[in-house]
Amino acid sequence: MDKTYKRPESVLVVIYTDQGEVLMLNRTQPNGFWQSVTGSLKWGETPRQAAERELFEETGLHHHGRLRDARHTERFPILPAWRGRFAASAHYNREHLFYFRLPGHRLIRLNPREHGELRWLDAAQAACRASSWTNRNAILRLLNPM
């Protein structure tokens, strides 16, 4: 475990409203990469701690006990564009899924280093807009709960 590199484990937090709208964020790098709240776990951090931290860092929202662990993970290859952030032995990332339900829209405070734009979209539109397959599938799970 080389702590000079990023941990190949992350969280995905899908924020949605009672009306079925999903918050989507446009990354600053690469621009045009739409996603829900995401972020890597720090060494020694649990997935829940990372989800709570990322929720606040990327949106300014506090979880107030409403963050739901979907108890679902996805494993995917680390893309070449991000390889340099991880140890040479890390080829896959493990992503933990969380949902954050709101009664309606809230004021969102974007972190300008990470995201330049936000949109509230109905779940079907959000799934189409999501740049990653794991994010798309997580949104589709809202439409078709198991």
Protein backbone atom coordinates (compact mmCIF):
# COMPACT_ATOMS: atom_id res chain seq x y z
CA MET A 1 0.00 0.00 0.00
CA ASP A 2 1.84 3.08 -1.30
CA LYS A 3 0.12 6.14 0.18
CA THR A 4 1.89 8.50 -2.21
CA TYR A 5 -0.66 7.41 -4.82
CA LYS A 6 -4.43 7.65 -4.87
CA ARG A 7 -6.36 4.79 -3.38
CA PRO A 8 -8.11 2.81 -6.17
CA GLU A 9 -11.44 3.00 -4.39
CA SER A 10 -14.10 5.68 -4.76
CA VAL A 11 -17.67 6.72 -4.02
CA LEU A 12 -20.51 7.76 -6.28
CA VAL A 13 -23.28 9.82 -4.64
CA VAL A 14 -26.45 10.27 -6.71
CA ILE A 15 -28.45 13.26 -5.45
CA TYR A 16 -32.13 13.22 -6.37
CA THR A 17 -35.40 14.91 -5.38
CA ASP A 18 -38.81 13.58 -4.44
CA GLN A 19 -39.94 14.80 -7.88
CA GLY A 20 -37.48 12.42 -9.58
CA GLU A 21 -34.88 14.99 -10.64
CA VAL A 22 -31.19 14.13 -10.44
CA LEU A 23 -28.37 16.62 -9.92
CA MET A 24 -25.70 16.40 -12.63
CA LEU A 25 -22.36 18.23 -12.50
CA ASN A 26 -20.13 19.17 -15.45
CA ARG A 27 -16.44 18.64 -14.67
CA THR A 28 -13.97 21.41 -15.42
CA GLN A 29 -11.45 18.78 -16.63
CA PRO A 30 -12.40 17.26 -18.93
CA ASN A 31 -15.18 19.71 -19.76
CA GLY A 32 -18.28 17.97 -21.00
CA PHE A 33 -17.87 15.07 -18.53
CA TRP A 34 -21.18 14.99 -16.67
CA GLN A 35 -21.43 13.12 -13.40
CA SER A 36 -22.96 12.84 -9.98
CA VAL A 37 -20.82 13.54 -6.91
CA THR A 38 -17.73 11.32 -6.99
CA GLY A 39 -14.39 11.06 -5.29
CA SER A 40 -11.62 8.78 -4.15
CA LEU A 41 -11.39 7.42 -0.65
CA LYS A 42 -8.49 8.75 1.34
CA TRP A 43 -6.24 6.17 2.99
CA GLY A 44 -7.89 5.08 6.25
CA GLU A 45 -11.30 6.50 5.27
CA THR A 46 -14.48 4.40 5.06
CA PRO A 47 -16.78 4.64 2.02
CA ARG A 48 -19.44 6.41 4.15
CA GLN A 49 -16.91 8.97 5.42
CA ALA A 50 -15.76 9.61 1.85
CA ALA A 51 -19.37 9.99 0.62
CA GLU A 52 -20.15 12.50 3.38
CA ARG A 53 -16.94 14.45 2.68
CA GLU A 54 -17.40 14.50 -1.10
CA LEU A 55 -21.06 15.50 -0.80
CA PHE A 56 -20.06 18.58 1.18
CA GLU A 57 -16.90 19.41 -0.83
CA GLU A 58 -18.66 19.25 -4.21
CA THR A 59 -22.08 20.70 -3.36
CA GLY A 60 -21.98 22.35 0.07
CA LEU A 61 -24.74 19.98 1.23
CA HIS A 62 -24.71 18.33 4.66
CA HIS A 63 -25.98 14.77 4.80
CA HIS A 64 -28.06 15.12 8.03
CA GLY A 65 -28.45 11.33 8.16
CA ARG A 66 -30.12 11.14 4.73
CA LEU A 67 -27.20 9.55 2.91
CA ARG A 68 -28.20 5.99 1.98
CA ASP A 69 -25.62 3.29 1.31
CA ALA A 70 -26.97 1.28 -1.64
CA ARG A 71 -24.68 -1.58 -0.63
CA HIS A 72 -23.66 -1.88 -4.27
CA THR A 73 -20.20 -1.63 -5.80
CA GLU A 74 -18.83 -1.66 -9.31
CA ARG A 75 -15.31 -2.55 -10.39
CA PHE A 76 -13.91 -0.97 -13.52
CA PRO A 77 -10.52 -0.50 -15.22
CA ILE A 78 -8.69 2.73 -14.43
CA LEU A 79 -8.70 4.78 -17.62
CA PRO A 80 -5.34 5.69 -19.20
CA ALA A 81 -5.97 9.41 -18.60
CA TRP A 82 -5.93 8.78 -14.81
CA ARG A 83 -3.27 6.02 -14.61
CA GLY A 84 -0.54 8.37 -13.34
CA ARG A 85 -2.49 9.07 -10.15
CA PHE A 86 -2.36 5.43 -9.06
CA ALA A 87 0.41 2.98 -8.21
CA ALA A 88 1.60 0.88 -11.16
CA SER A 89 0.06 -2.21 -9.55
CA ALA A 90 -3.45 -0.64 -9.48
CA HIS A 91 -5.40 -1.54 -12.61
CA TYR A 92 -8.98 -1.41 -11.29
CA ASN A 93 -11.06 0.92 -9.15
CA ARG A 94 -13.83 -0.17 -6.76
CA GLU A 95 -16.74 2.33 -6.61
CA HIS A 96 -19.26 2.37 -3.72
CA LEU A 97 -22.76 3.68 -4.51
CA PHE A 98 -24.71 6.04 -2.23
CA TYR A 99 -27.99 7.92 -2.74
CA PHE A 100 -28.96 11.28 -1.25
CA ARG A 101 -32.67 12.13 -1.41
CA LEU A 102 -33.93 15.70 -1.07
CA PRO A 103 -37.54 16.93 -0.87
CA GLY A 104 -36.75 19.48 -3.60
CA HIS A 105 -34.00 21.60 -5.11
CA ARG A 106 -31.43 23.04 -2.73
CA LEU A 107 -28.87 25.75 -3.23
CA ILE A 108 -25.76 23.99 -4.54
CA ARG A 109 -22.31 25.48 -3.95
CA LEU A 110 -20.05 24.04 -6.63
CA ASN A 111 -16.34 23.60 -6.05
CA PRO A 112 -15.03 25.64 -9.04
CA ARG A 113 -11.83 23.55 -9.24
CA GLU A 114 -13.94 20.48 -10.00
CA HIS A 115 -17.23 21.54 -11.60
CA GLY A 116 -18.28 24.51 -13.71
CA GLU A 117 -21.98 23.87 -14.21
CA LEU A 118 -24.91 21.96 -12.74
CA ARG A 119 -28.29 20.82 -13.98
CA TRP A 120 -31.31 19.23 -12.36
CA LEU A 121 -32.64 16.69 -14.88
CA ASP A 122 -35.35 14.09 -14.74
CA ALA A 123 -33.81 10.69 -14.05
CA ALA A 124 -34.06 9.42 -17.64
CA GLN A 125 -32.36 12.57 -18.99
CA ALA A 126 -29.71 12.40 -16.26
CA ALA A 127 -28.95 8.78 -17.15
CA CYS A 128 -28.46 9.80 -20.79
CA ARG A 129 -26.25 12.73 -19.76
CA ALA A 130 -24.02 10.69 -17.41
CA SER A 131 -20.57 10.23 -18.93
CA SER A 132 -19.71 7.00 -17.10
CA TRP A 133 -21.56 3.71 -17.33
CA THR A 134 -21.47 3.24 -13.56
CA ASN A 135 -23.16 6.61 -13.04
CA ARG A 136 -25.74 5.84 -15.74
CA ASN A 137 -26.55 2.47 -14.14
CA ALA A 138 -26.82 4.04 -10.67
CA ILE A 139 -29.39 6.54 -11.96
CA LEU A 140 -31.30 3.81 -13.80
CA ARG A 141 -31.53 1.91 -10.49
CA LEU A 142 -33.69 4.82 -9.24
CA LEU A 143 -36.09 4.25 -12.15
CA ASN A 144 -36.11 0.47 -11.75
CA PRO A 145 -35.44 -0.40 -8.10
CA MET A 146 -34.54 -4.02 -7.47
